C-alpha atoms as a PDB file:
ATOM      1  CA  MET A   1      92.939 118.596 116.335  1.00  0.00           C
ATOM      2  CA  ASN A   2      90.275 115.879 116.702  1.00  0.00           C
ATOM      3  CA  VAL A   3      91.346 112.619 118.326  1.00  0.00           C
ATOM      4  CA  LEU A   4      89.225 109.476 118.523  1.00  0.00           C
ATOM      5  CA  ILE A   5      89.855 107.018 121.348  1.00  0.00           C
ATOM      6  CA  VAL A   6      88.638 103.434 121.093  1.00  0.00           C
ATOM      7  CA  GLY A   7      88.603 101.906 124.559  1.00  0.00           C
ATOM      8  CA  LEU A   8      88.563 104.110 127.638  1.00  0.00           C
ATOM      9  CA  GLY A   9      90.389 101.990 130.186  1.00  0.00           C
ATOM     10  CA  SER A  10      93.480 102.703 132.284  1.00  0.00           C
ATOM     11  CA  ILE A  11      95.930 102.823 129.382  1.00  0.00           C
ATOM     12  CA  ALA A  12      93.669 105.182 127.401  1.00  0.00           C
ATOM     13  CA  LYS A  13      93.605 107.546 130.363  1.00  0.00           C
ATOM     14  CA  LYS A  14      97.410 107.654 130.316  1.00  0.00           C
ATOM     15  CA  HIS A  15      97.292 108.737 126.679  1.00  0.00           C
ATOM     16  CA  ILE A  16      94.607 111.320 127.448  1.00  0.00           C
ATOM     17  CA  GLU A  17      96.732 112.722 130.277  1.00  0.00           C
ATOM     18  CA  ALA A  18      99.693 112.878 127.889  1.00  0.00           C
ATOM     19  CA  LEU A  19      97.622 114.844 125.361  1.00  0.00           C
ATOM     20  CA  GLN A  20      96.643 117.284 128.100  1.00  0.00           C
ATOM     21  CA  ILE A  21     100.253 117.730 129.221  1.00  0.00           C
ATOM     22  CA  LEU A  22     101.255 118.574 125.627  1.00  0.00           C
ATOM     23  CA  LYS A  23      98.866 121.536 125.800  1.00  0.00           C
ATOM     24  CA  ILE A  24      97.780 121.223 122.193  1.00  0.00           C
ATOM     25  CA  ASP A  25      94.416 122.356 120.869  1.00  0.00           C
ATOM     26  CA  VAL A  26      92.641 118.997 120.895  1.00  0.00           C
ATOM     27  CA  LYS A  27      89.089 117.733 121.101  1.00  0.00           C
ATOM     28  CA  ILE A  28      88.831 114.150 122.313  1.00  0.00           C
ATOM     29  CA  TYR A  29      86.058 111.788 121.258  1.00  0.00           C
ATOM     30  CA  ALA A  30      85.539 108.343 122.775  1.00  0.00           C
ATOM     31  CA  LEU A  31      83.822 105.559 120.868  1.00  0.00           C
ATOM     32  CA  ARG A  32      81.563 103.833 123.414  1.00  0.00           C
ATOM     33  CA  SER A  33      79.666 100.576 123.065  1.00  0.00           C
ATOM     34  CA  ASN A  34      77.260 101.296 125.940  1.00  0.00           C
ATOM     35  CA  LEU A  35      74.656 104.045 125.532  1.00  0.00           C
ATOM     36  CA  ASN A  36      74.769 104.516 129.300  1.00  0.00           C
ATOM     37  CA  ALA A  37      78.559 104.882 129.398  1.00  0.00           C
ATOM     38  CA  GLN A  38      79.883 107.335 131.947  1.00  0.00           C
ATOM     39  CA  ILE A  39      80.585 110.844 130.740  1.00  0.00           C
ATOM     40  CA  GLU A  40      84.232 111.780 131.270  1.00  0.00           C
ATOM     41  CA  GLU A  41      85.154 115.426 131.697  1.00  0.00           C
ATOM     42  CA  GLY A  42      86.539 116.952 128.514  1.00  0.00           C
ATOM     43  CA  ILE A  43      85.614 113.914 126.387  1.00  0.00           C
ATOM     44  CA  GLU A  44      82.654 113.629 124.035  1.00  0.00           C
ATOM     45  CA  ASN A  45      81.102 110.188 123.696  1.00  0.00           C
ATOM     46  CA  ILE A  46      80.095 108.848 120.300  1.00  0.00           C
ATOM     47  CA  TYR A  47      78.401 105.500 119.769  1.00  0.00           C
ATOM     48  CA  THR A  48      78.872 104.686 116.103  1.00  0.00           C
ATOM     49  CA  LEU A  49      81.363 105.408 113.345  1.00  0.00           C
ATOM     50  CA  GLU A  50      78.633 105.541 110.738  1.00  0.00           C
ATOM     51  CA  ASP A  51      77.273 108.882 109.535  1.00  0.00           C
ATOM     52  CA  ILE A  52      79.664 110.824 111.779  1.00  0.00           C
ATOM     53  CA  ASN A  53      80.645 114.067 110.089  1.00  0.00           C
ATOM     54  CA  ILE A  54      83.898 114.555 112.013  1.00  0.00           C
ATOM     55  CA  PHE A  55      87.387 114.637 110.557  1.00  0.00           C
ATOM     56  CA  PHE A  56      89.691 112.750 112.932  1.00  0.00           C
ATOM     57  CA  ASP A  57      93.366 113.681 112.799  1.00  0.00           C
ATOM     58  CA  PHE A  58      94.146 110.294 114.319  1.00  0.00           C
ATOM     59  CA  ALA A  59      92.694 107.507 116.431  1.00  0.00           C
ATOM     60  CA  ILE A  60      94.098 105.844 119.541  1.00  0.00           C
ATOM     61  CA  ILE A  61      93.217 102.153 119.684  1.00  0.00           C
ATOM     62  CA  SER A  62      93.473 101.143 123.335  1.00  0.00           C
ATOM     63  CA  ASN A  63      90.685  98.630 123.830  1.00  0.00           C
ATOM     64  CA  PRO A  64      91.428  94.964 124.756  1.00  0.00           C
ATOM     65  CA  THR A  65      93.912  93.441 122.328  1.00  0.00           C
ATOM     66  CA  TYR A  66      91.507  90.875 120.915  1.00  0.00           C
ATOM     67  CA  LEU A  67      89.358  93.757 119.598  1.00  0.00           C
ATOM     68  CA  HIS A  68      92.195  95.634 117.876  1.00  0.00           C
ATOM     69  CA  TYR A  69      91.846  93.853 114.547  1.00  0.00           C
ATOM     70  CA  GLU A  70      88.244  94.970 114.056  1.00  0.00           C
ATOM     71  CA  PHE A  71      88.997  98.639 114.657  1.00  0.00           C
ATOM     72  CA  ILE A  72      92.273  98.756 112.743  1.00  0.00           C
ATOM     73  CA  GLU A  73      90.271  97.462 109.780  1.00  0.00           C
ATOM     74  CA  LYS A  74      87.327  99.864 110.245  1.00  0.00           C
ATOM     75  CA  LEU A  75      89.382 102.970 110.902  1.00  0.00           C
ATOM     76  CA  GLY A  76      91.988 102.099 108.308  1.00  0.00           C
ATOM     77  CA  LYS A  77      89.311 101.957 105.632  1.00  0.00           C
ATOM     78  CA  LYS A  78      88.291 105.466 106.723  1.00  0.00           C
ATOM     79  CA  ASN A  79      91.849 106.770 106.136  1.00  0.00           C
ATOM     80  CA  ILE A  80      92.353 107.640 109.814  1.00  0.00           C
ATOM     81  CA  PRO A  81      95.990 107.542 111.024  1.00  0.00           C
ATOM     82  CA  LEU A  82      96.377 104.999 113.817  1.00  0.00           C
ATOM     83  CA  PHE A  83      98.148 105.121 117.183  1.00  0.00           C
ATOM     84  CA  ILE A  84      97.769 101.501 118.336  1.00  0.00           C
ATOM     85  CA  GLU A  85      98.487 100.311 121.861  1.00  0.00           C
ATOM     86  CA  LYS A  86     100.862  97.344 121.902  1.00  0.00           C
ATOM     87  CA  PRO A  87     100.634  94.624 120.812  1.00  0.00           C
ATOM     88  CA  ALA A  88      98.993  95.627 117.557  1.00  0.00           C
ATOM     89  CA  VAL A  89      96.956  92.405 117.396  1.00  0.00           C
ATOM     90  CA  CYS A  90      96.995  89.145 119.367  1.00  0.00           C
ATOM     91  CA  THR A  91      96.905  86.762 116.427  1.00  0.00           C
ATOM     92  CA  LEU A  92      98.391  86.792 112.946  1.00  0.00           C
ATOM     93  CA  GLU A  93      95.260  85.316 111.407  1.00  0.00           C
ATOM     94  CA  ASN A  94      94.239  87.416 108.381  1.00  0.00           C
ATOM     95  CA  VAL A  95      96.808  90.068 109.323  1.00  0.00           C
ATOM     96  CA  ASN A  96      97.669  90.453 105.628  1.00  0.00           C
ATOM     97  CA  ILE A  97      94.249  92.036 105.127  1.00  0.00           C
ATOM     98  CA  LEU A  98      95.223  94.811 107.546  1.00  0.00           C
ATOM     99  CA  LEU A  99      98.658  95.168 105.961  1.00  0.00           C
ATOM    100  CA  ASP A 100      97.033  95.563 102.537  1.00  0.00           C
ATOM    101  CA  ILE A 101      94.587  98.223 103.795  1.00  0.00           C
ATOM    102  CA  ILE A 102      97.388 100.204 105.456  1.00  0.00           C
ATOM    103  CA  SER A 103      99.570  99.951 102.346  1.00  0.00           C
ATOM    104  CA  GLU A 104      96.753 100.860  99.949  1.00  0.00           C
ATOM    105  CA  LYS A 105      95.699 103.873 102.032  1.00  0.00           C
ATOM    106  CA  GLN A 106      99.325 104.814 102.786  1.00  0.00           C
ATOM    107  CA  LEU A 107      98.271 105.215 106.402  1.00  0.00           C
ATOM    108  CA  ILE A 108     100.546 106.565 109.080  1.00  0.00           C
ATOM    109  CA  THR A 109     100.578 103.996 111.881  1.00  0.00           C
ATOM    110  CA  TYR A 110     102.461 103.654 115.133  1.00  0.00           C
ATOM    111  CA  VAL A 111     102.382 100.807 117.659  1.00  0.00           C
ATOM    112  CA  ALA A 112     102.782 102.353 121.090  1.00  0.00           C
ATOM    113  CA  CYS A 113     105.788 100.822 122.804  1.00  0.00           C
ATOM    114  CA  ASN A 114     106.576 103.625 125.222  1.00  0.00           C
ATOM    115  CA  LEU A 115     109.784 102.067 126.587  1.00  0.00           C
ATOM    116  CA  ARG A 116     111.531 103.225 123.417  1.00  0.00           C
ATOM    117  CA  PHE A 117     111.363 106.632 125.115  1.00  0.00           C
ATOM    118  CA  HIS A 118     112.845 105.439 128.424  1.00  0.00           C
ATOM    119  CA  PRO A 119     116.035 107.465 129.082  1.00  0.00           C
ATOM    120  CA  CYS A 120     118.056 104.351 129.991  1.00  0.00           C
ATOM    121  CA  LEU A 121     117.209 102.724 126.674  1.00  0.00           C
ATOM    122  CA  ILE A 122     117.914 105.937 124.783  1.00  0.00           C
ATOM    123  CA  PHE A 123     121.295 106.116 126.564  1.00  0.00           C
ATOM    124  CA  LEU A 124     121.969 102.508 125.598  1.00  0.00           C
ATOM    125  CA  LYS A 125     120.983 103.014 121.952  1.00  0.00           C
ATOM    126  CA  ASN A 126     123.211 106.079 121.631  1.00  0.00           C
ATOM    127  CA  LYS A 127     126.178 104.207 123.137  1.00  0.00           C
ATOM    128  CA  ILE A 128     125.704 101.158 120.934  1.00  0.00           C
ATOM    129  CA  ASP A 129     125.243 103.230 117.776  1.00  0.00           C
ATOM    130  CA  SER A 130     128.198 105.550 118.433  1.00  0.00           C
ATOM    131  CA  ASP A 131     130.764 103.501 120.354  1.00  0.00           C
ATOM    132  CA  PHE A 132     130.587 100.254 118.349  1.00  0.00           C
ATOM    133  CA  LEU A 133     130.766  98.189 121.523  1.00  0.00           C
ATOM    134  CA  ARG A 134     131.441  94.470 120.951  1.00  0.00           C
ATOM    135  CA  ILE A 135     128.661  92.410 122.532  1.00  0.00           C
ATOM    136  CA  ASN A 136     129.161  88.749 123.424  1.00  0.00           C
ATOM    137  CA  GLU A 137     125.876  88.047 125.191  1.00  0.00           C
ATOM    138  CA  LEU A 138     122.576  89.761 125.961  1.00  0.00           C
ATOM    139  CA  ASN A 139     120.246  88.680 128.790  1.00  0.00           C
ATOM    140  CA  ILE A 140     116.872  90.328 129.357  1.00  0.00           C
ATOM    141  CA  TYR A 141     114.547  89.530 132.245  1.00  0.00           C
ATOM    142  CA  CYS A 142     111.139  90.918 133.123  1.00  0.00           C
ATOM    143  CA  GLY A 143     109.066  89.331 135.850  1.00  0.00           C
ATOM    144  CA  SER A 144     106.357  90.549 138.212  1.00  0.00           C
ATOM    145  CA  TYR A 145     103.397  89.157 140.129  1.00  0.00           C
ATOM    146  CA  LEU A 146     100.157  89.326 138.150  1.00  0.00           C
ATOM    147  CA  PRO A 147      97.863  89.303 141.247  1.00  0.00           C
ATOM    148  CA  ASP A 148      99.526  92.580 142.328  1.00  0.00           C
ATOM    149  CA  TRP A 149      98.819  94.347 139.038  1.00  0.00           C
ATOM    150  CA  ARG A 150      95.298  95.437 139.993  1.00  0.00           C
ATOM    151  CA  PRO A 151      94.900  95.321 143.789  1.00  0.00           C
ATOM    152  CA  GLY A 152      91.407  94.527 145.014  1.00  0.00           C
ATOM    153  CA  LYS A 153      90.419  92.768 141.788  1.00  0.00           C
ATOM    154  CA  ASP A 154      90.439  89.026 141.115  1.00  0.00           C
ATOM    155  CA  PHE A 155      93.414  88.719 138.772  1.00  0.00           C
ATOM    156  CA  ARG A 156      91.854  85.725 137.018  1.00  0.00           C
ATOM    157  CA  THR A 157      89.084  87.969 135.639  1.00  0.00           C
ATOM    158  CA  ILE A 158      91.352  90.525 133.932  1.00  0.00           C
ATOM    159  CA  TYR A 159      92.290  90.201 130.276  1.00  0.00           C
ATOM    160  CA  SER A 160      95.955  89.497 131.092  1.00  0.00           C
ATOM    161  CA  ALA A 161      95.015  86.134 132.605  1.00  0.00           C
ATOM    162  CA  ASN A 162      92.713  85.097 129.768  1.00  0.00           C
ATOM    163  CA  ALA A 163      94.080  83.832 126.479  1.00  0.00           C
ATOM    164  CA  GLY A 164      90.746  84.402 124.704  1.00  0.00           C
ATOM    165  CA  MET A 165      90.941  88.134 125.489  1.00  0.00           C
ATOM    166  CA  GLY A 166      94.447  88.519 124.106  1.00  0.00           C
ATOM    167  CA  GLY A 167      96.147  88.022 127.458  1.00  0.00           C
ATOM    168  CA  GLY A 168      99.455  86.370 128.227  1.00  0.00           C
ATOM    169  CA  VAL A 169     102.844  87.504 129.470  1.00  0.00           C
ATOM    170  CA  HIS A 170     104.323  87.318 125.960  1.00  0.00           C
ATOM    171  CA  LEU A 171     101.781  89.926 124.783  1.00  0.00           C
ATOM    172  CA  ASP A 172     101.596  92.020 127.969  1.00  0.00           C
ATOM    173  CA  LEU A 173     105.385  92.312 128.171  1.00  0.00           C
ATOM    174  CA  PHE A 174     105.838  92.744 124.430  1.00  0.00           C
ATOM    175  CA  HIS A 175     108.133  95.682 125.224  1.00  0.00           C
ATOM    176  CA  GLU A 176     111.129  93.422 125.798  1.00  0.00           C
ATOM    177  CA  LEU A 177     111.002  91.948 122.304  1.00  0.00           C
ATOM    178  CA  ASP A 178     110.260  95.366 120.849  1.00  0.00           C
ATOM    179  CA  TYR A 179     113.196  97.213 122.361  1.00  0.00           C
ATOM    180  CA  THR A 180     115.553  94.300 121.617  1.00  0.00           C
ATOM    181  CA  THR A 181     114.881  94.537 117.892  1.00  0.00           C
ATOM    182  CA  TRP A 182     114.849  98.350 118.079  1.00  0.00           C
ATOM    183  CA  LEU A 183     118.344  98.276 119.569  1.00  0.00           C
ATOM    184  CA  PHE A 184     119.838  95.366 117.627  1.00  0.00           C
ATOM    185  CA  GLY A 185     117.588  94.639 114.643  1.00  0.00           C
ATOM    186  CA  LEU A 186     115.706  91.480 113.772  1.00  0.00           C
ATOM    187  CA  PRO A 187     117.554  88.247 114.611  1.00  0.00           C
ATOM    188  CA  ASN A 188     118.834  85.732 112.096  1.00  0.00           C
ATOM    189  CA  LYS A 189     117.209  82.841 113.954  1.00  0.00           C
ATOM    190  CA  LYS A 190     114.770  82.515 116.829  1.00  0.00           C
ATOM    191  CA  GLN A 191     113.502  79.900 119.247  1.00  0.00           C
ATOM    192  CA  SER A 192     110.881  80.190 121.951  1.00  0.00           C
ATOM    193  CA  ILE A 193     109.133  78.422 124.804  1.00  0.00           C
ATOM    194  CA  LEU A 194     105.641  79.600 125.789  1.00  0.00           C
ATOM    195  CA  ARG A 195     103.992  77.878 128.783  1.00  0.00           C
ATOM    196  CA  ASN A 196     101.351  78.314 131.469  1.00  0.00           C
ATOM    197  CA  LEU A 197     102.215  75.758 134.137  1.00  0.00           C
ATOM    198  CA  SER A 198     102.799  78.036 137.153  1.00  0.00           C
ATOM    199  CA  SER A 199     100.902  78.088 140.427  1.00  0.00           C
ATOM    200  CA  LEU A 200      98.790  80.995 139.094  1.00  0.00           C
ATOM    201  CA  GLU A 201      96.611  78.425 137.324  1.00  0.00           C
ATOM    202  CA  ILE A 202      95.509  80.682 134.467  1.00  0.00           C
ATOM    203  CA  ASP A 203      94.893  79.739 130.844  1.00  0.00           C
ATOM    204  CA  ALA A 204      97.051  82.533 129.395  1.00  0.00           C
ATOM    205  CA  ILE A 205     100.790  82.158 128.838  1.00  0.00           C
ATOM    206  CA  ASP A 206     102.581  82.996 132.114  1.00  0.00           C
ATOM    207  CA  TYR A 207     106.157  82.148 131.080  1.00  0.00           C
ATOM    208  CA  ALA A 208     107.970  83.029 127.869  1.00  0.00           C
ATOM    209  CA  ASN A 209     111.573  82.343 126.934  1.00  0.00           C
ATOM    210  CA  TYR A 210     113.065  83.598 123.670  1.00  0.00           C
ATOM    211  CA  THR A 211     116.495  82.884 122.204  1.00  0.00           C
ATOM    212  CA  LEU A 212     117.462  85.241 119.396  1.00  0.00           C
ATOM    213  CA  GLU A 213     120.580  84.589 117.333  1.00  0.00           C
ATOM    214  CA  TYR A 214     122.522  87.540 115.883  1.00  0.00           C
ATOM    215  CA  ASN A 215     125.774  87.508 113.901  1.00  0.00           C
ATOM    216  CA  ASP A 216     128.043  88.097 116.898  1.00  0.00           C
ATOM    217  CA  PHE A 217     125.963  87.270 119.982  1.00  0.00           C
ATOM    218  CA  THR A 218     122.865  85.564 121.327  1.00  0.00           C
ATOM    219  CA  ALA A 219     120.043  87.345 123.146  1.00  0.00           C
ATOM    220  CA  ASN A 220     118.004  85.572 125.826  1.00  0.00           C
ATOM    221  CA  ILE A 221     114.666  87.025 126.928  1.00  0.00           C
ATOM    222  CA  ILE A 222     112.696  85.653 129.887  1.00  0.00           C
ATOM    223  CA  LEU A 223     109.239  86.943 130.853  1.00  0.00           C
ATOM    224  CA  ASN A 224     106.909  85.805 133.622  1.00  0.00           C
ATOM    225  CA  TYR A 225     103.796  86.695 135.613  1.00  0.00           C
ATOM    226  CA  TYR A 226     104.725  85.046 138.922  1.00  0.00           C
ATOM    227  CA  ARG A 227     107.830  86.759 140.307  1.00  0.00           C
ATOM    228  CA  ARG A 228     106.864  88.295 143.672  1.00  0.00           C
ATOM    229  CA  LYS A 229     109.509  91.041 143.666  1.00  0.00           C
ATOM    230  CA  PRO A 230     109.435  92.788 140.278  1.00  0.00           C
ATOM    231  CA  LYS A 231     112.589  92.752 138.207  1.00  0.00           C
ATOM    232  CA  ARG A 232     113.117  94.395 134.826  1.00  0.00           C
ATOM    233  CA  GLU A 233     116.745  94.315 133.742  1.00  0.00           C
ATOM    234  CA  ILE A 234     119.010  94.058 130.736  1.00  0.00           C
ATOM    235  CA  GLU A 235     122.465  92.518 131.131  1.00  0.00           C
ATOM    236  CA  ILE A 236     124.964  93.108 128.335  1.00  0.00           C
ATOM    237  CA  VAL A 237     128.208  91.144 128.391  1.00  0.00           C
ATOM    238  CA  PHE A 238     130.884  93.080 126.485  1.00  0.00           C
ATOM    239  CA  ASP A 239     134.481  92.025 125.844  1.00  0.00           C
ATOM    240  CA  ASN A 240     135.879  93.712 128.955  1.00  0.00           C
ATOM    241  CA  ASP A 241     132.855  94.661 131.026  1.00  0.00           C
ATOM    242  CA  THR A 242     129.241  93.824 131.815  1.00  0.00           C
ATOM    243  CA  TRP A 243     126.500  96.406 132.068  1.00  0.00           C
ATOM    244  CA  THR A 244     123.204  96.057 133.924  1.00  0.00           C
ATOM    245  CA  ILE A 245     120.367  98.327 132.853  1.00  0.00           C
ATOM    246  CA  ASP A 246     117.727  98.430 135.593  1.00  0.00           C
ATOM    247  CA  LEU A 247     114.457  99.738 134.175  1.00  0.00           C
ATOM    248  CA  ILE A 248     112.872  99.967 137.627  1.00  0.00           C
ATOM    249  CA  LYS A 249     115.689 101.897 139.296  1.00  0.00           C
ATOM    250  CA  ASN A 250     116.271 103.797 136.015  1.00  0.00           C
ATOM    251  CA  GLU A 251     120.029 103.371 136.059  1.00  0.00           C
ATOM    252  CA  VAL A 252     122.929 101.722 134.246  1.00  0.00           C
ATOM    253  CA  ARG A 253     125.840 100.164 136.160  1.00  0.00           C
ATOM    254  CA  ASN A 254     128.928  98.185 135.197  1.00  0.00           C
ATOM    255  CA  ASP A 255     130.567  95.139 136.771  1.00  0.00           C
ATOM    256  CA  SER A 256     132.339  97.307 139.339  1.00  0.00           C
ATOM    257  CA  ASN A 257     128.981  98.802 140.336  1.00  0.00           C
ATOM    258  CA  ASP A 258     130.019 102.162 138.903  1.00  0.00           C
ATOM    259  CA  LEU A 259     127.031 104.283 137.952  1.00  0.00           C
ATOM    260  CA  LEU A 260     127.232 104.944 134.195  1.00  0.00           C
ATOM    261  CA  PHE A 261     123.863 106.630 133.845  1.00  0.00           C
ATOM    262  CA  LYS A 262     120.997 107.630 136.118  1.00  0.00           C
ATOM    263  CA  ALA A 263     117.630 109.082 135.089  1.00  0.00           C
ATOM    264  CA  SER A 264     117.118 111.073 138.276  1.00  0.00           C
ATOM    265  CA  GLY A 265     113.567 112.170 138.927  1.00  0.00           C
ATOM    266  CA  PHE A 266     112.302 110.230 135.929  1.00  0.00           C
ATOM    267  CA  ASN A 267     108.655 109.129 135.909  1.00  0.00           C
ATOM    268  CA  ILE A 268     107.446 106.509 133.444  1.00  0.00           C
ATOM    269  CA  LYS A 269     104.521 108.829 132.593  1.00  0.00           C
ATOM    270  CA  GLU A 270     107.025 110.956 130.705  1.00  0.00           C
ATOM    271  CA  THR A 271     107.392 108.235 128.084  1.00  0.00           C
ATOM    272  CA  TYR A 272     103.683 108.475 127.216  1.00  0.00           C
ATOM    273  CA  VAL A 273     104.052 112.204 126.629  1.00  0.00           C
ATOM    274  CA  SER A 274     107.212 111.778 124.542  1.00  0.00           C
ATOM    275  CA  GLN A 275     105.757 109.118 122.267  1.00  0.00           C
ATOM    276  CA  LEU A 276     102.553 111.062 121.586  1.00  0.00           C
ATOM    277  CA  GLU A 277     104.582 114.179 120.833  1.00  0.00           C
ATOM    278  CA  TYR A 278     106.734 112.098 118.488  1.00  0.00           C
ATOM    279  CA  PHE A 279     103.697 110.616 116.734  1.00  0.00           C
ATOM    280  CA  ILE A 280     101.978 113.986 116.312  1.00  0.00           C
ATOM    281  CA  ASN A 281     105.158 115.462 114.831  1.00  0.00           C
ATOM    282  CA  CYS A 282     105.256 112.566 112.356  1.00  0.00           C
ATOM    283  CA  LEU A 283     101.677 113.383 111.371  1.00  0.00           C
ATOM    284  CA  LYS A 284     102.513 117.059 110.877  1.00  0.00           C
ATOM    285  CA  ASN A 285     105.475 116.149 108.678  1.00  0.00           C
ATOM    286  CA  ASN A 286     103.598 113.345 106.866  1.00  0.00           C
ATOM    287  CA  GLN A 287     106.382 111.007 107.954  1.00  0.00           C
ATOM    288  CA  GLN A 288     106.007 107.295 108.722  1.00  0.00           C
ATOM    289  CA  PRO A 289     107.001 106.736 112.377  1.00  0.00           C
ATOM    290  CA  MET A 290     109.322 104.080 113.671  1.00  0.00           C
ATOM    291  CA  ASN A 291     107.479 100.971 114.831  1.00  0.00           C
ATOM    292  CA  SER A 292     104.774 101.194 112.204  1.00  0.00           C
ATOM    293  CA  PHE A 293     102.147  98.458 112.102  1.00  0.00           C
ATOM    294  CA  ASP A 294     104.039  96.369 109.556  1.00  0.00           C
ATOM    295  CA  GLU A 295     107.312  96.723 111.480  1.00  0.00           C
ATOM    296  CA  SER A 296     105.660  95.644 114.710  1.00  0.00           C
ATOM    297  CA  ILE A 297     104.126  92.598 113.020  1.00  0.00           C
ATOM    298  CA  GLU A 298     107.666  91.277 112.452  1.00  0.00           C
ATOM    299  CA  ASN A 299     108.163  91.348 116.226  1.00  0.00           C
ATOM    300  CA  LEU A 300     104.776  89.734 116.749  1.00  0.00           C
ATOM    301  CA  LYS A 301     105.874  86.805 114.575  1.00  0.00           C
ATOM    302  CA  ILE A 302     108.688  86.204 117.058  1.00  0.00           C
ATOM    303  CA  CYS A 303     106.360  86.760 120.009  1.00  0.00           C
ATOM    304  CA  LEU A 304     103.823  84.186 118.783  1.00  0.00           C
ATOM    305  CA  ASN A 305     106.472  81.720 117.585  1.00  0.00           C
ATOM    306  CA  ASN A 306     105.313  82.106 114.013  1.00  0.00           C
ATOM    307  CA  GLU A 307     107.621  81.273 111.126  1.00  0.00           C
END
């Protein structure tokens, strides 16, 4: 199996590690823009997509978000299945061109939202699907401190802090919108507030607040870059109980603090392995994965407050 990787940063290395853990027969190629790019062990550098006589089983697009569009278009036209790091793109401008290419080529695409493979969310999905639990209210919160994300580096220089590079908490923490619609479907109505007025003084969005209206309940999602102590929780208010799903502690508790589920020994790296295994199985079976490019674009419309 030949795999092309576009962008060889920290997230790409997580995908490479996942491929190695799967112990499949794979040769990894990295598309590099710099002829003097460092040689990584076990990875062959290539510098152009033109006149390359290599059949790629799929490509991983994991470069900065603002560059995704260009490579989805180029690789899509070459009939290469696409594993795209979230979010798929950072703007909806001309996105119909990409949708048309993917549809015309009947490409298999997957937007990598690895939290869909988090055991707490899988537990929650199974309970909701099988137990028909009546929900009255859903509150989702994800906040952490951007300067702590990459210690030793000026946080204002990283893409997350720069709107022009596809940064912003609404895009970085796209997972929360993604797993909400995965669990409960697309909302009937939506409202949002996107701002960057915090003490971080960056030009990217650092606060996002979404209100999603469903038939029987309302979901509230709050995201931020400035919370000193990280918090990533889902609160579900049922008729007779309230559950808190803590995605940092990897556990689910009810109002009485009873432990309903615990992913003991779980490491978030496992989700990267699970999603790549899932995607590769879809390729083998010629099956369109969940969270295809067009499906993820529907979430991006909510994310970007687009009608």
